[in-house]
Amino acid sequence: MKLINKTNGQVLADKLEIANTPFRRMKGLLGREKLEDGEGLHIIPCNNIHSFFMKFVFDAIFIDKKNKIRHLVEKMPPGRVSRLCFTAHSVVELPPGTICSTGSKIGDELEFVNQ
């Protein structure tokens, strides 16, 4: 799946995996060394994340049911917990620097495209 910032036309990920089962959501990115450019993980449902036992930093985008960005976490380091985002329905985890390089900001609309 591909993830596009519909507001500014930037591609956030072209290899987006989906974590929508209890096991897949619990596992998340654990066991990976890093996220390559263009990779990402969409966690559904989710309104708060942690980076315990992670080996790398990453960006996180919290989105609502209408695919609008509600909260951004840039370069989340290992061993942290994000704040609870009550308006979020899901979270997309991306390589560090993706939020900045794509100019994504709160209020932008995202689009998920099947490939």
PDB file of N, CA and C in Angstrom:
ATOM      1  N   MET A   1       0.842  -1.171   0.000  1.00  0.00           N
ATOM      2  CA  MET A   1       0.000   0.000   0.000  1.00  0.00           C
ATOM      3  C   MET A   1       0.892   1.240   0.000  1.00  0.00           C
ATOM      4  N   LYS A   2       0.373   2.302  -0.580  1.00  0.00           N
ATOM      5  CA  LYS A   2       1.092   3.573  -0.662  1.00  0.00           C
ATOM      6  C   LYS A   2       0.365   4.600   0.197  1.00  0.00           C
ATOM      7  N   LEU A   3       1.121   5.504   0.829  1.00  0.00           N
ATOM      8  CA  LEU A   3       0.539   6.571   1.638  1.00  0.00           C
ATOM      9  C   LEU A   3       0.983   7.914   1.077  1.00  0.00           C
ATOM     10  N   ILE A   4      -0.012   8.752   0.752  1.00  0.00           N
ATOM     11  CA  ILE A   4       0.239  10.057   0.150  1.00  0.00           C
ATOM     12  C   ILE A   4      -0.369  11.143   1.021  1.00  0.00           C
ATOM     13  N   ASN A   5       0.358  12.241   1.170  1.00  0.00           N
ATOM     14  CA  ASN A   5      -0.203  13.422   1.816  1.00  0.00           C
ATOM     15  C   ASN A   5      -1.024  14.119   0.735  1.00  0.00           C
ATOM     16  N   LYS A   6      -2.338  13.966   0.809  1.00  0.00           N
ATOM     17  CA  LYS A   6      -3.240  14.502  -0.210  1.00  0.00           C
ATOM     18  C   LYS A   6      -3.212  16.033  -0.233  1.00  0.00           C
ATOM     19  N   THR A   7      -2.891  16.654   0.886  1.00  0.00           N
ATOM     20  CA  THR A   7      -2.862  18.111   0.974  1.00  0.00           C
ATOM     21  C   THR A   7      -1.726  18.711   0.154  1.00  0.00           C
ATOM     22  N   ASN A   8      -0.538  18.070   0.190  1.00  0.00           N
ATOM     23  CA  ASN A   8       0.598  18.657  -0.530  1.00  0.00           C
ATOM     24  C   ASN A   8       1.173  17.762  -1.631  1.00  0.00           C
ATOM     25  N   GLY A   9       0.595  16.563  -1.821  1.00  0.00           N
ATOM     26  CA  GLY A   9       1.019  15.680  -2.902  1.00  0.00           C
ATOM     27  C   GLY A   9       2.268  14.861  -2.635  1.00  0.00           C
ATOM     28  N   GLN A  10       2.837  14.948  -1.448  1.00  0.00           N
ATOM     29  CA  GLN A  10       4.065  14.215  -1.121  1.00  0.00           C
ATOM     30  C   GLN A  10       3.763  12.748  -0.783  1.00  0.00           C
ATOM     31  N   VAL A  11       4.631  11.849  -1.238  1.00  0.00           N
ATOM     32  CA  VAL A  11       4.520  10.429  -0.893  1.00  0.00           C
ATOM     33  C   VAL A  11       5.252  10.209   0.426  1.00  0.00           C
ATOM     34  N   LEU A  12       4.529   9.682   1.422  1.00  0.00           N
ATOM     35  CA  LEU A  12       5.136   9.386   2.721  1.00  0.00           C
ATOM     36  C   LEU A  12       5.717   7.977   2.752  1.00  0.00           C
ATOM     37  N   ALA A  13       5.052   7.041   2.083  1.00  0.00           N
ATOM     38  CA  ALA A  13       5.526   5.650   2.038  1.00  0.00           C
ATOM     39  C   ALA A  13       4.975   4.981   0.788  1.00  0.00           C
ATOM     40  N   ASP A  14       5.793   4.141   0.172  1.00  0.00           N
ATOM     41  CA  ASP A  14       5.290   3.356  -0.955  1.00  0.00           C
ATOM     42  C   ASP A  14       5.317   1.858  -0.656  1.00  0.00           C
ATOM     43  N   LYS A  15       5.754   1.518   0.564  1.00  0.00           N
ATOM     44  CA  LYS A  15       5.735   0.126   1.036  1.00  0.00           C
ATOM     45  C   LYS A  15       5.157   0.114   2.447  1.00  0.00           C
ATOM     46  N   LEU A  16       3.877   0.406   2.535  1.00  0.00           N
ATOM     47  CA  LEU A  16       3.217   0.515   3.835  1.00  0.00           C
ATOM     48  C   LEU A  16       2.583  -0.819   4.216  1.00  0.00           C
ATOM     49  N   GLU A  17       2.983  -1.349   5.365  1.00  0.00           N
ATOM     50  CA  GLU A  17       2.392  -2.576   5.899  1.00  0.00           C
ATOM     51  C   GLU A  17       1.245  -2.206   6.833  1.00  0.00           C
ATOM     52  N   ILE A  18       0.305  -3.131   6.993  1.00  0.00           N
ATOM     53  CA  ILE A  18      -0.857  -2.905   7.850  1.00  0.00           C
ATOM     54  C   ILE A  18      -0.771  -3.817   9.073  1.00  0.00           C
ATOM     55  N   ALA A  19      -0.991  -3.243  10.249  1.00  0.00           N
ATOM     56  CA  ALA A  19      -1.047  -4.010  11.503  1.00  0.00           C
ATOM     57  C   ALA A  19      -2.443  -3.810  12.079  1.00  0.00           C
ATOM     58  N   ASN A  20      -3.349  -4.730  11.740  1.00  0.00           N
ATOM     59  CA  ASN A  20      -4.741  -4.580  12.172  1.00  0.00           C
ATOM     60  C   ASN A  20      -5.285  -5.795  12.921  1.00  0.00           C
ATOM     61  N   THR A  21      -4.379  -6.646  13.393  1.00  0.00           N
ATOM     62  CA  THR A  21      -4.780  -7.757  14.257  1.00  0.00           C
ATOM     63  C   THR A  21      -4.090  -7.555  15.606  1.00  0.00           C
ATOM     64  N   PRO A  22      -4.630  -8.130  16.677  1.00  0.00           N
ATOM     65  CA  PRO A  22      -3.992  -7.940  17.989  1.00  0.00           C
ATOM     66  C   PRO A  22      -2.510  -8.330  17.995  1.00  0.00           C
ATOM     67  N   PHE A  23      -2.165  -9.466  17.391  1.00  0.00           N
ATOM     68  CA  PHE A  23      -0.767  -9.900  17.379  1.00  0.00           C
ATOM     69  C   PHE A  23       0.108  -8.941  16.581  1.00  0.00           C
ATOM     70  N   ARG A  24      -0.352  -8.571  15.404  1.00  0.00           N
ATOM     71  CA  ARG A  24       0.437  -7.688  14.530  1.00  0.00           C
ATOM     72  C   ARG A  24       0.610  -6.305  15.165  1.00  0.00           C
ATOM     73  N   ARG A  25      -0.435  -5.798  15.811  1.00  0.00           N
ATOM     74  CA  ARG A  25      -0.348  -4.498  16.486  1.00  0.00           C
ATOM     75  C   ARG A  25       0.625  -4.571  17.657  1.00  0.00           C
ATOM     76  N   MET A  26       0.583  -5.674  18.406  1.00  0.00           N
ATOM     77  CA  MET A  26       1.474  -5.837  19.556  1.00  0.00           C
ATOM     78  C   MET A  26       2.936  -5.939  19.089  1.00  0.00           C
ATOM     79  N   LYS A  27       3.179  -6.664  18.007  1.00  0.00           N
ATOM     80  CA  LYS A  27       4.543  -6.838  17.499  1.00  0.00           C
ATOM     81  C   LYS A  27       5.074  -5.548  16.892  1.00  0.00           C
ATOM     82  N   GLY A  28       4.243  -4.841  16.152  1.00  0.00           N
ATOM     83  CA  GLY A  28       4.665  -3.576  15.549  1.00  0.00           C
ATOM     84  C   GLY A  28       5.971  -3.705  14.796  1.00  0.00           C
ATOM     85  N   LEU A  29       6.932  -2.868  15.133  1.00  0.00           N
ATOM     86  CA  LEU A  29       8.239  -2.873  14.471  1.00  0.00           C
ATOM     87  C   LEU A  29       9.307  -3.605  15.273  1.00  0.00           C
ATOM     88  N   LEU A  30       8.904  -4.300  16.343  1.00  0.00           N
ATOM     89  CA  LEU A  30       9.870  -5.028  17.169  1.00  0.00           C
ATOM     90  C   LEU A  30      10.624  -6.052  16.330  1.00  0.00           C
ATOM     91  N   GLY A  31      11.918  -6.147  16.567  1.00  0.00           N
ATOM     92  CA  GLY A  31      12.749  -7.108  15.858  1.00  0.00           C
ATOM     93  C   GLY A  31      13.402  -6.546  14.606  1.00  0.00           C
ATOM     94  N   ARG A  32      12.980  -5.382  14.183  1.00  0.00           N
ATOM     95  CA  ARG A  32      13.594  -4.764  13.006  1.00  0.00           C
ATOM     96  C   ARG A  32      14.788  -3.920  13.425  1.00  0.00           C
ATOM     97  N   GLU A  33      15.743  -3.819  12.526  1.00  0.00           N
ATOM     98  CA  GLU A  33      16.925  -2.991  12.770  1.00  0.00           C
ATOM     99  C   GLU A  33      16.643  -1.530  12.449  1.00  0.00           C
ATOM    100  N   LYS A  34      15.796  -1.288  11.436  1.00  0.00           N
ATOM    101  CA  LYS A  34      15.428   0.071  11.037  1.00  0.00           C
ATOM    102  C   LYS A  34      14.312   0.012  10.003  1.00  0.00           C
ATOM    103  N   LEU A  35      13.749   1.170   9.697  1.00  0.00           N
ATOM    104  CA  LEU A  35      12.814   1.317   8.584  1.00  0.00           C
ATOM    105  C   LEU A  35      13.582   1.946   7.428  1.00  0.00           C
ATOM    106  N   GLU A  36      13.511   1.333   6.265  1.00  0.00           N
ATOM    107  CA  GLU A  36      14.151   1.897   5.072  1.00  0.00           C
ATOM    108  C   GLU A  36      13.282   3.030   4.534  1.00  0.00           C
ATOM    109  N   ASP A  37      13.876   3.911   3.732  1.00  0.00           N
ATOM    110  CA  ASP A  37      13.099   4.967   3.089  1.00  0.00           C
ATOM    111  C   ASP A  37      11.960   4.342   2.296  1.00  0.00           C
ATOM    112  N   GLY A  38      10.778   4.919   2.425  1.00  0.00           N
ATOM    113  CA  GLY A  38       9.607   4.423   1.706  1.00  0.00           C
ATOM    114  C   GLY A  38       8.817   3.365   2.453  1.00  0.00           C
ATOM    115  N   GLU A  39       9.380   2.814   3.533  1.00  0.00           N
ATOM    116  CA  GLU A  39       8.671   1.806   4.319  1.00  0.00           C
ATOM    117  C   GLU A  39       7.855   2.470   5.424  1.00  0.00           C
ATOM    118  N   GLY A  40       6.862   1.735   5.924  1.00  0.00           N
ATOM    119  CA  GLY A  40       6.078   2.233   7.043  1.00  0.00           C
ATOM    120  C   GLY A  40       5.151   1.162   7.573  1.00  0.00           C
ATOM    121  N   LEU A  41       4.567   1.440   8.733  1.00  0.00           N
ATOM    122  CA  LEU A  41       3.621   0.523   9.365  1.00  0.00           C
ATOM    123  C   LEU A  41       2.403   1.318   9.809  1.00  0.00           C
ATOM    124  N   HIS A  42       1.222   0.891   9.357  1.00  0.00           N
ATOM    125  CA  HIS A  42      -0.044   1.532   9.735  1.00  0.00           C
ATOM    126  C   HIS A  42      -0.713   0.655  10.795  1.00  0.00           C
ATOM    127  N   ILE A  43      -0.852   1.189  12.009  1.00  0.00           N
ATOM    128  CA  ILE A  43      -1.407   0.448  13.142  1.00  0.00           C
ATOM    129  C   ILE A  43      -2.852   0.892  13.355  1.00  0.00           C
ATOM    130  N   ILE A  44      -3.784  -0.080  13.236  1.00  0.00           N
ATOM    131  CA  ILE A  44      -5.223   0.202  13.314  1.00  0.00           C
ATOM    132  C   ILE A  44      -5.892  -0.791  14.264  1.00  0.00           C
ATOM    133  N   PRO A  45      -6.705  -0.387  15.205  1.00  0.00           N
ATOM    134  CA  PRO A  45      -6.842   0.968  15.738  1.00  0.00           C
ATOM    135  C   PRO A  45      -5.691   1.260  16.690  1.00  0.00           C
ATOM    136  N   CYS A  46      -5.419   2.532  16.896  1.00  0.00           N
ATOM    137  CA  CYS A  46      -4.316   2.932  17.774  1.00  0.00           C
ATOM    138  C   CYS A  46      -4.394   4.435  18.033  1.00  0.00           C
ATOM    139  N   ASN A  47      -4.201   4.828  19.292  1.00  0.00           N
ATOM    140  CA  ASN A  47      -4.163   6.263  19.598  1.00  0.00           C
ATOM    141  C   ASN A  47      -3.015   6.614  20.554  1.00  0.00           C
ATOM    142  N   ASN A  48      -2.093   5.649  20.738  1.00  0.00           N
ATOM    143  CA  ASN A  48      -0.926   5.867  21.588  1.00  0.00           C
ATOM    144  C   ASN A  48       0.076   4.756  21.291  1.00  0.00           C
ATOM    145  N   ILE A  49       1.362   5.087  21.280  1.00  0.00           N
ATOM    146  CA  ILE A  49       2.394   4.101  20.955  1.00  0.00           C
ATOM    147  C   ILE A  49       3.535   4.170  21.966  1.00  0.00           C
ATOM    148  N   HIS A  50       4.381   3.151  21.930  1.00  0.00           N
ATOM    149  CA  HIS A  50       5.603   3.158  22.738  1.00  0.00           C
ATOM    150  C   HIS A  50       6.747   2.663  21.860  1.00  0.00           C
ATOM    151  N   SER A  51       7.957   2.920  22.326  1.00  0.00           N
ATOM    152  CA  SER A  51       9.133   2.450  21.585  1.00  0.00           C
ATOM    153  C   SER A  51      10.049   1.602  22.478  1.00  0.00           C
ATOM    154  N   PHE A  52       9.445   0.938  23.471  1.00  0.00           N
ATOM    155  CA  PHE A  52      10.222   0.036  24.319  1.00  0.00           C
ATOM    156  C   PHE A  52      10.771  -1.103  23.470  1.00  0.00           C
ATOM    157  N   PHE A  53      12.008  -1.478  23.725  1.00  0.00           N
ATOM    158  CA  PHE A  53      12.699  -2.573  23.040  1.00  0.00           C
ATOM    159  C   PHE A  53      12.972  -2.286  21.561  1.00  0.00           C
ATOM    160  N   MET A  54      12.760  -1.054  21.124  1.00  0.00           N
ATOM    161  CA  MET A  54      13.066  -0.678  19.740  1.00  0.00           C
ATOM    162  C   MET A  54      14.563  -0.403  19.627  1.00  0.00           C
ATOM    163  N   LYS A  55      15.082  -0.551  18.409  1.00  0.00           N
ATOM    164  CA  LYS A  55      16.507  -0.352  18.171  1.00  0.00           C
ATOM    165  C   LYS A  55      16.796   0.925  17.384  1.00  0.00           C
ATOM    166  N   PHE A  56      15.761   1.687  17.060  1.00  0.00           N
ATOM    167  CA  PHE A  56      15.955   2.853  16.202  1.00  0.00           C
ATOM    168  C   PHE A  56      14.890   3.914  16.469  1.00  0.00           C
ATOM    169  N   VAL A  57      15.175   5.131  16.013  1.00  0.00           N
ATOM    170  CA  VAL A  57      14.192   6.214  16.105  1.00  0.00           C
ATOM    171  C   VAL A  57      13.278   6.152  14.886  1.00  0.00           C
ATOM    172  N   PHE A  58      12.090   6.738  15.008  1.00  0.00           N
ATOM    173  CA  PHE A  58      11.139   6.761  13.898  1.00  0.00           C
ATOM    174  C   PHE A  58      10.195   7.945  14.070  1.00  0.00           C
ATOM    175  N   ASP A  59       9.511   8.302  12.992  1.00  0.00           N
ATOM    176  CA  ASP A  59       8.463   9.322  13.028  1.00  0.00           C
ATOM    177  C   ASP A  59       7.118   8.624  13.169  1.00  0.00           C
ATOM    178  N   ALA A  60       6.160   9.289  13.811  1.00  0.00           N
ATOM    179  CA  ALA A  60       4.814   8.731  13.972  1.00  0.00           C
ATOM    180  C   ALA A  60       3.779   9.798  13.637  1.00  0.00           C
ATOM    181  N   ILE A  61       2.801   9.398  12.841  1.00  0.00           N
ATOM    182  CA  ILE A  61       1.706  10.289  12.458  1.00  0.00           C
ATOM    183  C   ILE A  61       0.407   9.685  12.970  1.00  0.00           C
ATOM    184  N   PHE A  62      -0.287  10.427  13.820  1.00  0.00           N
ATOM    185  CA  PHE A  62      -1.569  10.002  14.378  1.00  0.00           C
ATOM    186  C   PHE A  62      -2.673  10.585  13.507  1.00  0.00           C
ATOM    187  N   ILE A  63      -3.565   9.718  13.012  1.00  0.00           N
ATOM    188  CA  ILE A  63      -4.623  10.193  12.117  1.00  0.00           C
ATOM    189  C   ILE A  63      -6.001   9.781  12.623  1.00  0.00           C
ATOM    190  N   ASP A  64      -7.002  10.576  12.248  1.00  0.00           N
ATOM    191  CA  ASP A  64      -8.372  10.281  12.663  1.00  0.00           C
ATOM    192  C   ASP A  64      -9.069   9.408  11.615  1.00  0.00           C
ATOM    193  N   LYS A  65     -10.352   9.137  11.824  1.00  0.00           N
ATOM    194  CA  LYS A  65     -11.101   8.261  10.917  1.00  0.00           C
ATOM    195  C   LYS A  65     -11.289   8.863   9.527  1.00  0.00           C
ATOM    196  N   LYS A  66     -11.098  10.170   9.410  1.00  0.00           N
ATOM    197  CA  LYS A  66     -11.213  10.834   8.105  1.00  0.00           C
ATOM    198  C   LYS A  66      -9.841  11.026   7.454  1.00  0.00           C
ATOM    199  N   ASN A  67      -8.826  10.352   8.011  1.00  0.00           N
ATOM    200  CA  ASN A  67      -7.446  10.387   7.510  1.00  0.00           C
ATOM    201  C   ASN A  67      -6.796  11.763   7.605  1.00  0.00           C
ATOM    202  N   LYS A  68      -7.212  12.549   8.578  1.00  0.00           N
ATOM    203  CA  LYS A  68      -6.576  13.846   8.825  1.00  0.00           C
ATOM    204  C   LYS A  68      -5.553  13.694   9.950  1.00  0.00           C
ATOM    205  N   ILE A  69      -4.413  14.358   9.782  1.00  0.00           N
ATOM    206  CA  ILE A  69      -3.356  14.297  10.792  1.00  0.00           C
ATOM    207  C   ILE A  69      -3.796  15.057  12.035  1.00  0.00           C
ATOM    208  N   ARG A  70      -3.719  14.379  13.197  1.00  0.00           N
ATOM    209  CA  ARG A  70      -4.119  14.973  14.473  1.00  0.00           C
ATOM    210  C   ARG A  70      -2.950  15.215  15.422  1.00  0.00           C
ATOM    211  N   HIS A  71      -1.852  14.473  15.240  1.00  0.00           N
ATOM    212  CA  HIS A  71      -0.682  14.645  16.116  1.00  0.00           C
ATOM    213  C   HIS A  71       0.535  14.093  15.379  1.00  0.00           C
ATOM    214  N   LEU A  72       1.688  14.708  15.613  1.00  0.00           N
ATOM    215  CA  LEU A  72       2.940  14.283  14.984  1.00  0.00           C
ATOM    216  C   LEU A  72       4.011  14.070  16.047  1.00  0.00           C
ATOM    217  N   VAL A  73       4.783  13.001  15.888  1.00  0.00           N
ATOM    218  CA  VAL A  73       5.945  12.760  16.744  1.00  0.00           C
ATOM    219  C   VAL A  73       7.135  12.562  15.811  1.00  0.00           C
ATOM    220  N   GLU A  74       8.087  13.487  15.878  1.00  0.00           N
ATOM    221  CA  GLU A  74       9.272  13.380  15.032  1.00  0.00           C
ATOM    222  C   GLU A  74      10.424  12.744  15.802  1.00  0.00           C
ATOM    223  N   LYS A  75      11.061  11.786  15.160  1.00  0.00           N
ATOM    224  CA  LYS A  75      12.263  11.125  15.695  1.00  0.00           C
ATOM    225  C   LYS A  75      12.065  10.619  17.123  1.00  0.00           C
ATOM    226  N   MET A  76      11.050   9.774  17.290  1.00  0.00           N
ATOM    227  CA  MET A  76      10.777   9.178  18.602  1.00  0.00           C
ATOM    228  C   MET A  76      11.893   8.191  18.948  1.00  0.00           C
ATOM    229  N   PRO A  77      12.606   8.419  20.049  1.00  0.00           N
ATOM    230  CA  PRO A  77      13.713   7.534  20.414  1.00  0.00           C
ATOM    231  C   PRO A  77      13.221   6.259  21.114  1.00  0.00           C
ATOM    232  N   PRO A  78      14.078   5.245  21.180  1.00  0.00           N
ATOM    233  CA  PRO A  78      13.721   4.026  21.911  1.00  0.00           C
ATOM    234  C   PRO A  78      13.405   4.321  23.380  1.00  0.00           C
ATOM    235  N   GLY A  79      12.536   3.490  23.954  1.00  0.00           N
ATOM    236  CA  GLY A  79      12.231   3.573  25.381  1.00  0.00           C
ATOM    237  C   GLY A  79      11.270   4.670  25.790  1.00  0.00           C
ATOM    238  N   ARG A  80      10.465   5.152  24.880  1.00  0.00           N
ATOM    239  CA  ARG A  80       9.533   6.246  25.173  1.00  0.00           C
ATOM    240  C   ARG A  80       8.087   5.830  24.950  1.00  0.00           C
ATOM    241  N   VAL A  81       7.183   6.645  25.495  1.00  0.00           N
ATOM    242  CA  VAL A  81       5.742   6.471  25.293  1.00  0.00           C
ATOM    243  C   VAL A  81       5.209   7.784  24.737  1.00  0.00           C
ATOM    244  N   SER A  82       4.395   7.698  23.699  1.00  0.00           N
ATOM    245  CA  SER A  82       3.780   8.910  23.150  1.00  0.00           C
ATOM    246  C   SER A  82       2.626   9.343  24.047  1.00  0.00           C
ATOM    247  N   ARG A  83       2.194  10.560  23.852  1.00  0.00           N
ATOM    248  CA  ARG A  83       0.998  10.993  24.566  1.00  0.00           C
ATOM    249  C   ARG A  83      -0.211  10.302  23.945  1.00  0.00           C
ATOM    250  N   LEU A  84      -1.269  10.197  24.699  1.00  0.00           N
ATOM    251  CA  LEU A  84      -2.517   9.633  24.213  1.00  0.00           C
ATOM    252  C   LEU A  84      -3.197  10.681  23.348  1.00  0.00           C
ATOM    253  N   CYS A  85      -3.535  10.317  22.126  1.00  0.00           N
ATOM    254  CA  CYS A  85      -4.196  11.240  21.202  1.00  0.00           C
ATOM    255  C   CYS A  85      -5.643  10.775  21.043  1.00  0.00           C
ATOM    256  N   PHE A  86      -6.542  11.388  21.807  1.00  0.00           N
ATOM    257  CA  PHE A  86      -7.937  10.953  21.841  1.00  0.00           C
ATOM    258  C   PHE A  86      -8.628  11.047  20.486  1.00  0.00           C
ATOM    259  N   THR A  87      -8.200  11.957  19.620  1.00  0.00           N
ATOM    260  CA  THR A  87      -8.852  12.128  18.319  1.00  0.00           C
ATOM    261  C   THR A  87      -8.299  11.187  17.253  1.00  0.00           C
ATOM    262  N   ALA A  88      -7.253  10.433  17.576  1.00  0.00           N
ATOM    263  CA  ALA A  88      -6.647   9.527  16.593  1.00  0.00           C
ATOM    264  C   ALA A  88      -7.364   8.184  16.562  1.00  0.00           C
ATOM    265  N   HIS A  89      -7.434   7.626  15.365  1.00  0.00           N
ATOM    266  CA  HIS A  89      -7.985   6.290  15.155  1.00  0.00           C
ATOM    267  C   HIS A  89      -6.879   5.298  14.802  1.00  0.00           C
ATOM    268  N   SER A  90      -5.783   5.813  14.229  1.00  0.00           N
ATOM    269  CA  SER A  90      -4.671   4.952  13.845  1.00  0.00           C
ATOM    270  C   SER A  90      -3.374   5.754  13.837  1.00  0.00           C
ATOM    271  N   VAL A  91      -2.265   5.015  13.733  1.00  0.00           N
ATOM    272  CA  VAL A  91      -0.934   5.632  13.726  1.00  0.00           C
ATOM    273  C   VAL A  91      -0.121   5.024  12.588  1.00  0.00           C
ATOM    274  N   VAL A  92       0.632   5.879  11.909  1.00  0.00           N
ATOM    275  CA  VAL A  92       1.564   5.418  10.883  1.00  0.00           C
ATOM    276  C   VAL A  92       2.977   5.692  11.386  1.00  0.00           C
ATOM    277  N   GLU A  93       3.796   4.636  11.441  1.00  0.00           N
ATOM    278  CA  GLU A  93       5.195   4.766  11.845  1.00  0.00           C
ATOM    279  C   GLU A  93       6.055   4.757  10.585  1.00  0.00           C
ATOM    280  N   LEU A  94       6.956   5.750  10.495  1.00  0.00           N
ATOM    281  CA  LEU A  94       7.743   5.981   9.287  1.00  0.00           C
ATOM    282  C   LEU A  94       9.211   6.215   9.640  1.00  0.00           C
ATOM    283  N   PRO A  95      10.106   6.129   8.651  1.00  0.00           N
ATOM    284  CA  PRO A  95      11.520   6.404   8.933  1.00  0.00           C
ATOM    285  C   PRO A  95      11.707   7.813   9.506  1.00  0.00           C
ATOM    286  N   PRO A  96      12.715   7.990  10.346  1.00  0.00           N
ATOM    287  CA  PRO A  96      12.947   9.316  10.929  1.00  0.00           C
ATOM    288  C   PRO A  96      13.232  10.350   9.842  1.00  0.00           C
ATOM    289  N   GLY A  97      12.641  11.533  10.011  1.00  0.00           N
ATOM    290  CA  GLY A  97      12.828  12.606   9.044  1.00  0.00           C
ATOM    291  C   GLY A  97      11.748  12.694   7.989  1.00  0.00           C
ATOM    292  N   THR A  98      10.857  11.696   7.932  1.00  0.00           N
ATOM    293  CA  THR A  98       9.805  11.687   6.913  1.00  0.00           C
ATOM    294  C   THR A  98       8.841  12.858   7.090  1.00  0.00           C
ATOM    295  N   ILE A  99       8.456  13.145   8.331  1.00  0.00           N
ATOM    296  CA  ILE A  99       7.515  14.247   8.578  1.00  0.00           C
ATOM    297  C   ILE A  99       8.102  15.553   8.050  1.00  0.00           C
ATOM    298  N   CYS A 100       9.346  15.821   8.380  1.00  0.00           N
ATOM    299  CA  CYS A 100      10.011  17.058   7.958  1.00  0.00           C
ATOM    300  C   CYS A 100      10.213  17.100   6.442  1.00  0.00           C
ATOM    301  N   SER A 101      10.722  16.017   5.866  1.00  0.00           N
ATOM    302  CA  SER A 101      11.054  16.017   4.435  1.00  0.00           C
ATOM    303  C   SER A 101       9.823  16.107   3.543  1.00  0.00           C
ATOM    304  N   THR A 102       8.658  15.680   4.043  1.00  0.00           N
ATOM    305  CA  THR A 102       7.427  15.754   3.247  1.00  0.00           C
ATOM    306  C   THR A 102       6.600  16.990   3.575  1.00  0.00           C
ATOM    307  N   GLY A 103       7.017  17.751   4.571  1.00  0.00           N
ATOM    308  CA  GLY A 103       6.271  18.953   4.948  1.00  0.00           C
ATOM    309  C   GLY A 103       4.909  18.652   5.538  1.00  0.00           C
ATOM    310  N   SER A 104       4.739  17.468   6.106  1.00  0.00           N
ATOM    311  CA  SER A 104       3.446  17.072   6.681  1.00  0.00           C
ATOM    312  C   SER A 104       3.191  17.828   7.977  1.00  0.00           C
ATOM    313  N   LYS A 105       1.924  18.237   8.161  1.00  0.00           N
ATOM    314  CA  LYS A 105       1.580  18.973   9.377  1.00  0.00           C
ATOM    315  C   LYS A 105       0.168  18.637   9.835  1.00  0.00           C
ATOM    316  N   ILE A 106      -0.126  18.999  11.069  1.00  0.00           N
ATOM    317  CA  ILE A 106      -1.448  18.737  11.639  1.00  0.00           C
ATOM    318  C   ILE A 106      -2.509  19.389  10.763  1.00  0.00           C
ATOM    319  N   GLY A 107      -3.567  18.622  10.481  1.00  0.00           N
ATOM    320  CA  GLY A 107      -4.654  19.094   9.631  1.00  0.00           C
ATOM    321  C   GLY A 107      -4.568  18.598   8.204  1.00  0.00           C
ATOM    322  N   ASP A 108      -3.376  18.153   7.768  1.00  0.00           N
ATOM    323  CA  ASP A 108      -3.237  17.615   6.412  1.00  0.00           C
ATOM    324  C   ASP A 108      -4.076  16.346   6.277  1.00  0.00           C
ATOM    325  N   GLU A 109      -4.561  16.095   5.059  1.00  0.00           N
ATOM    326  CA  GLU A 109      -5.328  14.881   4.779  1.00  0.00           C
ATOM    327  C   GLU A 109      -4.428  13.874   4.074  1.00  0.00           C
ATOM    328  N   LEU A 110      -4.480  12.631   4.534  1.00  0.00           N
ATOM    329  CA  LEU A 110      -3.688  11.559   3.940  1.00  0.00           C
ATOM    330  C   LEU A 110      -4.579  10.662   3.097  1.00  0.00           C
ATOM    331  N   GLU A 111      -3.955   9.973   2.136  1.00  0.00           N
ATOM    332  CA  GLU A 111      -4.687   9.040   1.282  1.00  0.00           C
ATOM    333  C   GLU A 111      -3.919   7.727   1.204  1.00  0.00           C
ATOM    334  N   PHE A 112      -4.634   6.627   1.429  1.00  0.00           N
ATOM    335  CA  PHE A 112      -4.069   5.286   1.322  1.00  0.00           C
ATOM    336  C   PHE A 112      -4.449   4.733  -0.044  1.00  0.00           C
ATOM    337  N   VAL A 113      -3.444   4.289  -0.813  1.00  0.00           N
ATOM    338  CA  VAL A 113      -3.673   3.821  -2.173  1.00  0.00           C
ATOM    339  C   VAL A 113      -3.196   2.377  -2.288  1.00  0.00           C
ATOM    340  N   ASN A 114      -4.099   1.474  -2.693  1.00  0.00           N
ATOM    341  CA  ASN A 114      -3.714   0.081  -2.933  1.00  0.00           C
ATOM    342  C   ASN A 114      -2.888   0.009  -4.205  1.00  0.00           C
ATOM    343  N   GLN A 115      -1.843  -0.815  -4.168  1.00  0.00           N
ATOM    344  CA  GLN A 115      -0.984  -0.959  -5.350  1.00  0.00           C
ATOM    345  C   GLN A 115      -1.185  -2.303  -5.980  1.00  0.00           C
TER     346      GLN A 115
END
